[in-house]
Amino acid sequence: MVERLIFILAKLKARLHGTELLARLTDETVSEKSSKYLLSKDYSKYFERFIRRGQAVNVQLHNIDDVTKPFMKSISEAADRDFDKWQDTAGQIRGWLAML
């Protein structure tokens, strides 16, 4: 929920300043990201999941960090560090919950 709140605040800031939230990727960048993904170990894992379950293999081009990290850094270095610590803690909690 914290990440979503920060995302919404970043969107609000962009709208108030009349700027774009995030620059649209060029076709070349999309191709580069797709190629890197296909060469990664994750692709094999997701492909196997597709074969077992029929769940689509998606290439991640954007994620919430593309917006939240620059936004927090624009506030201050301390806010950026604090957010990183929070994300680490949240990741650990998600890991523990996944084991339950």
PDB file of N, CA and C in Angstrom:
ATOM      1  N   MET A   1       0.820  -1.190   0.000  1.00  0.00           N
ATOM      2  CA  MET A   1       0.000   0.000   0.000  1.00  0.00           C
ATOM      3  C   MET A   1       0.869   1.261   0.000  1.00  0.00           C
ATOM      4  N   VAL A   2       2.002   1.189   0.682  1.00  0.00           N
ATOM      5  CA  VAL A   2       2.897   2.349   0.729  1.00  0.00           C
ATOM      6  C   VAL A   2       3.417   2.664  -0.666  1.00  0.00           C
ATOM      7  N   GLU A   3       3.828   1.614  -1.394  1.00  0.00           N
ATOM      8  CA  GLU A   3       4.323   1.838  -2.751  1.00  0.00           C
ATOM      9  C   GLU A   3       3.247   2.472  -3.636  1.00  0.00           C
ATOM     10  N   ARG A   4       2.038   2.002  -3.505  1.00  0.00           N
ATOM     11  CA  ARG A   4       0.942   2.561  -4.312  1.00  0.00           C
ATOM     12  C   ARG A   4       0.680   4.021  -3.957  1.00  0.00           C
ATOM     13  N   LEU A   5       0.742   4.344  -2.667  1.00  0.00           N
ATOM     14  CA  LEU A   5       0.562   5.732  -2.236  1.00  0.00           C
ATOM     15  C   LEU A   5       1.642   6.615  -2.850  1.00  0.00           C
ATOM     16  N   ILE A   6       2.888   6.159  -2.798  1.00  0.00           N
ATOM     17  CA  ILE A   6       3.985   6.950  -3.373  1.00  0.00           C
ATOM     18  C   ILE A   6       3.810   7.084  -4.879  1.00  0.00           C
ATOM     19  N   PHE A   7       3.352   6.027  -5.532  1.00  0.00           N
ATOM     20  CA  PHE A   7       3.080   6.083  -6.973  1.00  0.00           C
ATOM     21  C   PHE A   7       2.022   7.147  -7.270  1.00  0.00           C
ATOM     22  N   ILE A   8       0.961   7.154  -6.494  1.00  0.00           N
ATOM     23  CA  ILE A   8      -0.116   8.143  -6.686  1.00  0.00           C
ATOM     24  C   ILE A   8       0.405   9.561  -6.437  1.00  0.00           C
ATOM     25  N   LEU A   9       1.230   9.734  -5.412  1.00  0.00           N
ATOM     26  CA  LEU A   9       1.804  11.058  -5.142  1.00  0.00           C
ATOM     27  C   LEU A   9       2.698  11.510  -6.296  1.00  0.00           C
ATOM     28  N   ALA A  10       3.458  10.577  -6.869  1.00  0.00           N
ATOM     29  CA  ALA A  10       4.308  10.911  -8.015  1.00  0.00           C
ATOM     30  C   ALA A  10       3.451  11.309  -9.213  1.00  0.00           C
ATOM     31  N   LYS A  11       2.333  10.596  -9.433  1.00  0.00           N
ATOM     32  CA  LYS A  11       1.422  10.956 -10.517  1.00  0.00           C
ATOM     33  C   LYS A  11       0.834  12.345 -10.300  1.00  0.00           C
ATOM     34  N   LEU A  12       0.456  12.637  -9.065  1.00  0.00           N
ATOM     35  CA  LEU A  12      -0.098  13.940  -8.736  1.00  0.00           C
ATOM     36  C   LEU A  12       0.933  15.046  -8.980  1.00  0.00           C
ATOM     37  N   LYS A  13       2.164  14.816  -8.555  1.00  0.00           N
ATOM     38  CA  LYS A  13       3.231  15.800  -8.776  1.00  0.00           C
ATOM     39  C   LYS A  13       3.427  16.050 -10.274  1.00  0.00           C
ATOM     40  N   ALA A  14       3.460  14.979 -11.066  1.00  0.00           N
ATOM     41  CA  ALA A  14       3.644  15.124 -12.510  1.00  0.00           C
ATOM     42  C   ALA A  14       2.503  15.920 -13.127  1.00  0.00           C
ATOM     43  N   ARG A  15       1.279  15.626 -12.699  1.00  0.00           N
ATOM     44  CA  ARG A  15       0.122  16.342 -13.240  1.00  0.00           C
ATOM     45  C   ARG A  15       0.174  17.824 -12.869  1.00  0.00           C
ATOM     46  N   LEU A  16       0.515  18.113 -11.610  1.00  0.00           N
ATOM     47  CA  LEU A  16       0.580  19.508 -11.157  1.00  0.00           C
ATOM     48  C   LEU A  16       1.678  20.295 -11.868  1.00  0.00           C
ATOM     49  N   HIS A  17       2.776  19.609 -12.205  1.00  0.00           N
ATOM     50  CA  HIS A  17       3.885  20.268 -12.893  1.00  0.00           C
ATOM     51  C   HIS A  17       3.745  20.209 -14.411  1.00  0.00           C
ATOM     52  N   GLY A  18       2.709  19.518 -14.890  1.00  0.00           N
ATOM     53  CA  GLY A  18       2.485  19.413 -16.331  1.00  0.00           C
ATOM     54  C   GLY A  18       3.552  18.587 -17.033  1.00  0.00           C
ATOM     55  N   THR A  19       4.097  17.599 -16.335  1.00  0.00           N
ATOM     56  CA  THR A  19       5.126  16.733 -16.917  1.00  0.00           C
ATOM     57  C   THR A  19       4.607  15.311 -17.040  1.00  0.00           C
ATOM     58  N   GLU A  20       5.383  14.497 -17.712  1.00  0.00           N
ATOM     59  CA  GLU A  20       5.041  13.086 -17.856  1.00  0.00           C
ATOM     60  C   GLU A  20       5.504  12.333 -16.617  1.00  0.00           C
ATOM     61  N   LEU A  21       4.744  11.339 -16.227  1.00  0.00           N
ATOM     62  CA  LEU A  21       5.113  10.505 -15.089  1.00  0.00           C
ATOM     63  C   LEU A  21       6.365   9.703 -15.412  1.00  0.00           C
ATOM     64  N   LEU A  22       6.419   9.178 -16.622  1.00  0.00           N
ATOM     65  CA  LEU A  22       7.517   8.336 -17.054  1.00  0.00           C
ATOM     66  C   LEU A  22       7.614   8.443 -18.567  1.00  0.00           C
ATOM     67  N   ALA A  23       8.825   8.469 -19.076  1.00  0.00           N
ATOM     68  CA  ALA A  23       8.996   8.569 -20.526  1.00  0.00           C
ATOM     69  C   ALA A  23       8.628   7.238 -21.182  1.00  0.00           C
ATOM     70  N   ARG A  24       7.971   7.317 -22.317  1.00  0.00           N
ATOM     71  CA  ARG A  24       7.615   6.122 -23.081  1.00  0.00           C
ATOM     72  C   ARG A  24       8.894   5.517 -23.642  1.00  0.00           C
ATOM     73  N   LEU A  25       9.018   4.195 -23.574  1.00  0.00           N
ATOM     74  CA  LEU A  25      10.199   3.506 -24.094  1.00  0.00           C
ATOM     75  C   LEU A  25      10.202   3.536 -25.617  1.00  0.00           C
ATOM     76  N   THR A  26      11.393   3.650 -26.167  1.00  0.00           N
ATOM     77  CA  THR A  26      11.521   3.565 -27.621  1.00  0.00           C
ATOM     78  C   THR A  26      11.417   2.099 -28.031  1.00  0.00           C
ATOM     79  N   ASP A  27      11.158   1.857 -29.306  1.00  0.00           N
ATOM     80  CA  ASP A  27      11.087   0.485 -29.809  1.00  0.00           C
ATOM     81  C   ASP A  27      12.413  -0.239 -29.565  1.00  0.00           C
ATOM     82  N   GLU A  28      13.521   0.489 -29.708  1.00  0.00           N
ATOM     83  CA  GLU A  28      14.843  -0.101 -29.497  1.00  0.00           C
ATOM     84  C   GLU A  28      15.018  -0.557 -28.043  1.00  0.00           C
ATOM     85  N   THR A  29      14.575   0.274 -27.101  1.00  0.00           N
ATOM     86  CA  THR A  29      14.686  -0.070 -25.681  1.00  0.00           C
ATOM     87  C   THR A  29      13.805  -1.261 -25.341  1.00  0.00           C
ATOM     88  N   VAL A  30      12.608  -1.314 -25.901  1.00  0.00           N
ATOM     89  CA  VAL A  30      11.717  -2.454 -25.670  1.00  0.00           C
ATOM     90  C   VAL A  30      12.385  -3.729 -26.182  1.00  0.00           C
ATOM     91  N   SER A  31      12.994  -3.667 -27.355  1.00  0.00           N
ATOM     92  CA  SER A  31      13.681  -4.835 -27.912  1.00  0.00           C
ATOM     93  C   SER A  31      14.847  -5.261 -27.023  1.00  0.00           C
ATOM     94  N   GLU A  32      15.615  -4.287 -26.516  1.00  0.00           N
ATOM     95  CA  GLU A  32      16.748  -4.598 -25.640  1.00  0.00           C
ATOM     96  C   GLU A  32      16.274  -5.273 -24.355  1.00  0.00           C
ATOM     97  N   LYS A  33      15.238  -4.706 -23.731  1.00  0.00           N
ATOM     98  CA  LYS A  33      14.717  -5.279 -22.489  1.00  0.00           C
ATOM     99  C   LYS A  33      14.163  -6.681 -22.734  1.00  0.00           C
ATOM    100  N   SER A  34      13.471  -6.864 -23.829  1.00  0.00           N
ATOM    101  CA  SER A  34      12.909  -8.178 -24.158  1.00  0.00           C
ATOM    102  C   SER A  34      14.018  -9.198 -24.377  1.00  0.00           C
ATOM    103  N   SER A  35      15.055  -8.800 -25.088  1.00  0.00           N
ATOM    104  CA  SER A  35      16.174  -9.718 -25.342  1.00  0.00           C
ATOM    105  C   SER A  35      16.871 -10.108 -24.050  1.00  0.00           C
ATOM    106  N   LYS A  36      17.121  -9.148 -23.176  1.00  0.00           N
ATOM    107  CA  LYS A  36      17.756  -9.448 -21.887  1.00  0.00           C
ATOM    108  C   LYS A  36      16.902 -10.410 -21.081  1.00  0.00           C
ATOM    109  N   TYR A  37      15.609 -10.193 -21.093  1.00  0.00           N
ATOM    110  CA  TYR A  37      14.696 -11.060 -20.345  1.00  0.00           C
ATOM    111  C   TYR A  37      14.730 -12.484 -20.905  1.00  0.00           C
ATOM    112  N   LEU A  38      14.686 -12.600 -22.217  1.00  0.00           N
ATOM    113  CA  LEU A  38      14.667 -13.924 -22.832  1.00  0.00           C
ATOM    114  C   LEU A  38      15.959 -14.691 -22.560  1.00  0.00           C
ATOM    115  N   LEU A  39      17.060 -13.982 -22.329  1.00  0.00           N
ATOM    116  CA  LEU A  39      18.340 -14.628 -22.033  1.00  0.00           C
ATOM    117  C   LEU A  39      18.508 -14.936 -20.546  1.00  0.00           C
ATOM    118  N   SER A  40      17.621 -14.406 -19.724  1.00  0.00           N
ATOM    119  CA  SER A  40      17.741 -14.600 -18.284  1.00  0.00           C
ATOM    120  C   SER A  40      17.236 -15.971 -17.860  1.00  0.00           C
ATOM    121  N   LYS A  41      17.594 -16.360 -16.645  1.00  0.00           N
ATOM    122  CA  LYS A  41      17.115 -17.626 -16.095  1.00  0.00           C
ATOM    123  C   LYS A  41      15.616 -17.568 -15.832  1.00  0.00           C
ATOM    124  N   ASP A  42      15.094 -16.384 -15.559  1.00  0.00           N
ATOM    125  CA  ASP A  42      13.674 -16.254 -15.266  1.00  0.00           C
ATOM    126  C   ASP A  42      12.810 -16.718 -16.429  1.00  0.00           C
ATOM    127  N   TYR A  43      13.250 -16.475 -17.638  1.00  0.00           N
ATOM    128  CA  TYR A  43      12.440 -16.877 -18.776  1.00  0.00           C
ATOM    129  C   TYR A  43      12.181 -18.379 -18.744  1.00  0.00           C
ATOM    130  N   SER A  44      13.221 -19.150 -18.465  1.00  0.00           N
ATOM    131  CA  SER A  44      13.056 -20.614 -18.410  1.00  0.00           C
ATOM    132  C   SER A  44      12.033 -20.999 -17.358  1.00  0.00           C
ATOM    133  N   LYS A  45      12.111 -20.353 -16.204  1.00  0.00           N
ATOM    134  CA  LYS A  45      11.162 -20.645 -15.117  1.00  0.00           C
ATOM    135  C   LYS A  45       9.737 -20.314 -15.553  1.00  0.00           C
ATOM    136  N   TYR A  46       9.559 -19.153 -16.168  1.00  0.00           N
ATOM    137  CA  TYR A  46       8.219 -18.740 -16.581  1.00  0.00           C
ATOM    138  C   TYR A  46       7.709 -19.573 -17.754  1.00  0.00           C
ATOM    139  N   PHE A  47       8.617 -20.001 -18.625  1.00  0.00           N
ATOM    140  CA  PHE A  47       8.209 -20.854 -19.733  1.00  0.00           C
ATOM    141  C   PHE A  47       7.711 -22.199 -19.206  1.00  0.00           C
ATOM    142  N   GLU A  48       8.418 -22.757 -18.229  1.00  0.00           N
ATOM    143  CA  GLU A  48       7.981 -24.022 -17.623  1.00  0.00           C
ATOM    144  C   GLU A  48       6.609 -23.864 -16.973  1.00  0.00           C
ATOM    145  N   ARG A  49       6.389 -22.737 -16.324  1.00  0.00           N
ATOM    146  CA  ARG A  49       5.079 -22.477 -15.712  1.00  0.00           C
ATOM    147  C   ARG A  49       4.002 -22.396 -16.790  1.00  0.00           C
ATOM    148  N   PHE A  50       4.355 -21.788 -17.932  1.00  0.00           N
ATOM    149  CA  PHE A  50       3.402 -21.722 -19.043  1.00  0.00           C
ATOM    150  C   PHE A  50       3.040 -23.130 -19.521  1.00  0.00           C
ATOM    151  N   ILE A  51       4.041 -23.983 -19.672  1.00  0.00           N
ATOM    152  CA  ILE A  51       3.804 -25.343 -20.144  1.00  0.00           C
ATOM    153  C   ILE A  51       2.936 -26.115 -19.151  1.00  0.00           C
ATOM    154  N   ARG A  52       3.178 -25.932 -17.849  1.00  0.00           N
ATOM    155  CA  ARG A  52       2.406 -26.656 -16.827  1.00  0.00           C
ATOM    156  C   ARG A  52       1.002 -26.094 -16.657  1.00  0.00           C
ATOM    157  N   ARG A  53       0.889 -24.772 -16.594  1.00  0.00           N
ATOM    158  CA  ARG A  53      -0.387 -24.151 -16.206  1.00  0.00           C
ATOM    159  C   ARG A  53      -1.072 -23.345 -17.299  1.00  0.00           C
ATOM    160  N   GLY A  54      -0.342 -23.041 -18.352  1.00  0.00           N
ATOM    161  CA  GLY A  54      -0.914 -22.201 -19.391  1.00  0.00           C
ATOM    162  C   GLY A  54      -0.894 -20.721 -19.036  1.00  0.00           C
ATOM    163  N   GLN A  55      -0.155 -20.371 -17.970  1.00  0.00           N
ATOM    164  CA  GLN A  55      -0.078 -18.972 -17.546  1.00  0.00           C
ATOM    165  C   GLN A  55       0.872 -18.213 -18.471  1.00  0.00           C
ATOM    166  N   ALA A  56       0.436 -17.084 -18.983  1.00  0.00           N
ATOM    167  CA  ALA A  56       1.190 -16.318 -19.975  1.00  0.00           C
ATOM    168  C   ALA A  56       2.577 -15.925 -19.475  1.00  0.00           C
ATOM    169  N   VAL A  57       3.526 -15.886 -20.399  1.00  0.00           N
ATOM    170  CA  VAL A  57       4.870 -15.397 -20.117  1.00  0.00           C
ATOM    171  C   VAL A  57       4.878 -13.916 -20.490  1.00  0.00           C
ATOM    172  N   ASN A  58       5.113 -13.080 -19.507  1.00  0.00           N
ATOM    173  CA  ASN A  58       5.119 -11.640 -19.732  1.00  0.00           C
ATOM    174  C   ASN A  58       6.528 -11.083 -19.612  1.00  0.00           C
ATOM    175  N   VAL A  59       6.834 -10.114 -20.439  1.00  0.00           N
ATOM    176  CA  VAL A  59       8.110  -9.409 -20.357  1.00  0.00           C
ATOM    177  C   VAL A  59       7.855  -8.119 -19.597  1.00  0.00           C
ATOM    178  N   GLN A  60       8.589  -7.933 -18.497  1.00  0.00           N
ATOM    179  CA  GLN A  60       8.382  -6.738 -17.680  1.00  0.00           C
ATOM    180  C   GLN A  60       9.146  -5.571 -18.286  1.00  0.00           C
ATOM    181  N   LEU A  61       8.416  -4.558 -18.718  1.00  0.00           N
ATOM    182  CA  LEU A  61       9.033  -3.373 -19.299  1.00  0.00           C
ATOM    183  C   LEU A  61       9.089  -2.227 -18.300  1.00  0.00           C
ATOM    184  N   HIS A  62       8.117  -2.154 -17.436  1.00  0.00           N
ATOM    185  CA  HIS A  62       8.059  -1.118 -16.409  1.00  0.00           C
ATOM    186  C   HIS A  62       7.679  -1.771 -15.096  1.00  0.00           C
ATOM    187  N   ASN A  63       8.136  -1.184 -14.014  1.00  0.00           N
ATOM    188  CA  ASN A  63       7.636  -1.597 -12.711  1.00  0.00           C
ATOM    189  C   ASN A  63       7.490  -0.359 -11.840  1.00  0.00           C
ATOM    190  N   ILE A  64       6.881  -0.539 -10.706  1.00  0.00           N
ATOM    191  CA  ILE A  64       6.549   0.598  -9.847  1.00  0.00           C
ATOM    192  C   ILE A  64       7.807   1.346  -9.389  1.00  0.00           C
ATOM    193  N   ASP A  65       8.943   0.624  -9.282  1.00  0.00           N
ATOM    194  CA  ASP A  65      10.198   1.268  -8.876  1.00  0.00           C
ATOM    195  C   ASP A  65      10.661   2.324  -9.886  1.00  0.00           C
ATOM    196  N   ASP A  66      10.259   2.171 -11.153  1.00  0.00           N
ATOM    197  CA  ASP A  66      10.626   3.170 -12.166  1.00  0.00           C
ATOM    198  C   ASP A  66      10.070   4.545 -11.816  1.00  0.00           C
ATOM    199  N   VAL A  67       9.022   4.578 -11.008  1.00  0.00           N
ATOM    200  CA  VAL A  67       8.384   5.839 -10.611  1.00  0.00           C
ATOM    201  C   VAL A  67       8.726   6.194  -9.166  1.00  0.00           C
ATOM    202  N   THR A  68       8.630   5.208  -8.271  1.00  0.00           N
ATOM    203  CA  THR A  68       8.803   5.508  -6.843  1.00  0.00           C
ATOM    204  C   THR A  68      10.237   5.894  -6.492  1.00  0.00           C
ATOM    205  N   LYS A  69      11.229   5.227  -7.090  1.00  0.00           N
ATOM    206  CA  LYS A  69      12.629   5.538  -6.758  1.00  0.00           C
ATOM    207  C   LYS A  69      12.994   6.975  -7.113  1.00  0.00           C
ATOM    208  N   PRO A  70      12.754   7.433  -8.356  1.00  0.00           N
ATOM    209  CA  PRO A  70      13.087   8.819  -8.670  1.00  0.00           C
ATOM    210  C   PRO A  70      12.283   9.830  -7.831  1.00  0.00           C
ATOM    211  N   PHE A  71      11.026   9.489  -7.533  1.00  0.00           N
ATOM    212  CA  PHE A  71      10.198  10.389  -6.726  1.00  0.00           C
ATOM    213  C   PHE A  71      10.784  10.539  -5.330  1.00  0.00           C
ATOM    214  N   MET A  72      11.140   9.422  -4.695  1.00  0.00           N
ATOM    215  CA  MET A  72      11.706   9.491  -3.347  1.00  0.00           C
ATOM    216  C   MET A  72      13.053  10.205  -3.355  1.00  0.00           C
ATOM    217  N   LYS A  73      13.843   9.979  -4.392  1.00  0.00           N
ATOM    218  CA  LYS A  73      15.137  10.654  -4.504  1.00  0.00           C
ATOM    219  C   LYS A  73      14.943  12.163  -4.672  1.00  0.00           C
ATOM    220  N   SER A  74      13.845  12.555  -5.345  1.00  0.00           N
ATOM    221  CA  SER A  74      13.582  13.988  -5.529  1.00  0.00           C
ATOM    222  C   SER A  74      13.215  14.669  -4.212  1.00  0.00           C
ATOM    223  N   ILE A  75      12.737  13.889  -3.253  1.00  0.00           N
ATOM    224  CA  ILE A  75      12.403  14.447  -1.939  1.00  0.00           C
ATOM    225  C   ILE A  75      13.690  14.683  -1.164  1.00  0.00           C
ATOM    226  N   SER A  76      14.488  13.639  -1.015  1.00  0.00           N
ATOM    227  CA  SER A  76      15.794  13.764  -0.351  1.00  0.00           C
ATOM    228  C   SER A  76      16.514  12.419  -0.407  1.00  0.00           C
ATOM    229  N   GLU A  77      17.809  12.466  -0.196  1.00  0.00           N
ATOM    230  CA  GLU A  77      18.590  11.229  -0.140  1.00  0.00           C
ATOM    231  C   GLU A  77      18.134  10.373   1.044  1.00  0.00           C
ATOM    232  N   ALA A  78      17.796  11.025   2.151  1.00  0.00           N
ATOM    233  CA  ALA A  78      17.344  10.294   3.338  1.00  0.00           C
ATOM    234  C   ALA A  78      16.028   9.577   3.045  1.00  0.00           C
ATOM    235  N   ALA A  79      15.108  10.237   2.341  1.00  0.00           N
ATOM    236  CA  ALA A  79      13.830   9.605   1.997  1.00  0.00           C
ATOM    237  C   ALA A  79      14.075   8.402   1.099  1.00  0.00           C
ATOM    238  N   ASP A  80      15.012   8.534   0.178  1.00  0.00           N
ATOM    239  CA  ASP A  80      15.346   7.439  -0.722  1.00  0.00           C
ATOM    240  C   ASP A  80      15.916   6.259   0.061  1.00  0.00           C
ATOM    241  N   ARG A  81      16.835   6.514   0.986  1.00  0.00           N
ATOM    242  CA  ARG A  81      17.415   5.445   1.816  1.00  0.00           C
ATOM    243  C   ARG A  81      16.351   4.797   2.695  1.00  0.00           C
ATOM    244  N   ASP A  82      15.498   5.617   3.304  1.00  0.00           N
ATOM    245  CA  ASP A  82      14.439   5.078   4.162  1.00  0.00           C
ATOM    246  C   ASP A  82      13.490   4.197   3.366  1.00  0.00           C
ATOM    247  N   PHE A  83      13.163   4.612   2.152  1.00  0.00           N
ATOM    248  CA  PHE A  83      12.274   3.823   1.305  1.00  0.00           C
ATOM    249  C   PHE A  83      12.930   2.493   0.933  1.00  0.00           C
ATOM    250  N   ASP A  84      14.228   2.520   0.652  1.00  0.00           N
ATOM    251  CA  ASP A  84      14.946   1.268   0.359  1.00  0.00           C
ATOM    252  C   ASP A  84      14.876   0.317   1.548  1.00  0.00           C
ATOM    253  N   LYS A  85      15.090   0.846   2.748  1.00  0.00           N
ATOM    254  CA  LYS A  85      15.007   0.013   3.955  1.00  0.00           C
ATOM    255  C   LYS A  85      13.603  -0.558   4.108  1.00  0.00           C
ATOM    256  N   TRP A  86      12.597   0.274   3.858  1.00  0.00           N
ATOM    257  CA  TRP A  86      11.213  -0.190   3.969  1.00  0.00           C
ATOM    258  C   TRP A  86      10.946  -1.305   2.963  1.00  0.00           C
ATOM    259  N   GLN A  87      11.437  -1.147   1.730  1.00  0.00           N
ATOM    260  CA  GLN A  87      11.219  -2.169   0.711  1.00  0.00           C
ATOM    261  C   GLN A  87      11.888  -3.482   1.103  1.00  0.00           C
ATOM    262  N   ASP A  88      13.080  -3.414   1.687  1.00  0.00           N
ATOM    263  CA  ASP A  88      13.755  -4.630   2.149  1.00  0.00           C
ATOM    264  C   ASP A  88      12.921  -5.334   3.213  1.00  0.00           C
ATOM    265  N   THR A  89      12.425  -4.565   4.164  1.00  0.00           N
ATOM    266  CA  THR A  89      11.597  -5.136   5.238  1.00  0.00           C
ATOM    267  C   THR A  89      10.312  -5.728   4.671  1.00  0.00           C
ATOM    268  N   ALA A  90       9.663  -5.007   3.771  1.00  0.00           N
ATOM    269  CA  ALA A  90       8.428  -5.500   3.161  1.00  0.00           C
ATOM    270  C   ALA A  90       8.685  -6.790   2.384  1.00  0.00           C
ATOM    271  N   GLY A  91       9.827  -6.870   1.683  1.00  0.00           N
ATOM    272  CA  GLY A  91      10.180  -8.078   0.950  1.00  0.00           C
ATOM    273  C   GLY A  91      10.377  -9.268   1.869  1.00  0.00           C
ATOM    274  N   GLN A  92      11.006  -9.031   3.029  1.00  0.00           N
ATOM    275  CA  GLN A  92      11.193 -10.108   4.000  1.00  0.00           C
ATOM    276  C   GLN A  92       9.840 -10.590   4.527  1.00  0.00           C
ATOM    277  N   ILE A  93       8.945  -9.662   4.808  1.00  0.00           N
ATOM    278  CA  ILE A  93       7.616 -10.030   5.312  1.00  0.00           C
ATOM    279  C   ILE A  93       6.866 -10.843   4.266  1.00  0.00           C
ATOM    280  N   ARG A  94       6.924 -10.407   2.995  1.00  0.00           N
ATOM    281  CA  ARG A  94       6.267 -11.167   1.928  1.00  0.00           C
ATOM    282  C   ARG A  94       6.851 -12.576   1.823  1.00  0.00           C
ATOM    283  N   GLY A  95       8.171 -12.682   1.991  1.00  0.00           N
ATOM    284  CA  GLY A  95       8.812 -14.002   1.958  1.00  0.00           C
ATOM    285  C   GLY A  95       8.343 -14.896   3.075  1.00  0.00           C
ATOM    286  N   TRP A  96       8.225 -14.345   4.275  1.00  0.00           N
ATOM    287  CA  TRP A  96       7.752 -15.128   5.409  1.00  0.00           C
ATOM    288  C   TRP A  96       6.303 -15.568   5.195  1.00  0.00           C
ATOM    289  N   LEU A  97       5.495 -14.647   4.683  1.00  0.00           N
ATOM    290  CA  LEU A  97       4.087 -14.986   4.456  1.00  0.00           C
ATOM    291  C   LEU A  97       3.944 -16.071   3.391  1.00  0.00           C
ATOM    292  N   ALA A  98       4.819 -16.052   2.404  1.00  0.00           N
ATOM    293  CA  ALA A  98       4.753 -17.051   1.342  1.00  0.00           C
ATOM    294  C   ALA A  98       5.069 -18.450   1.872  1.00  0.00           C
ATOM    295  N   MET A  99       5.855 -18.496   2.948  1.00  0.00           N
ATOM    296  CA  MET A  99       6.211 -19.801   3.527  1.00  0.00           C
ATOM    297  C   MET A  99       5.075 -20.384   4.374  1.00  0.00           C
ATOM    298  N   LEU A 100       4.121 -19.566   4.771  1.00  0.00           N
ATOM    299  CA  LEU A 100       3.016 -20.050   5.609  1.00  0.00           C
ATOM    300  C   LEU A 100       2.046 -20.923   4.870  1.00  0.00           C
TER     301      LEU A 100
END
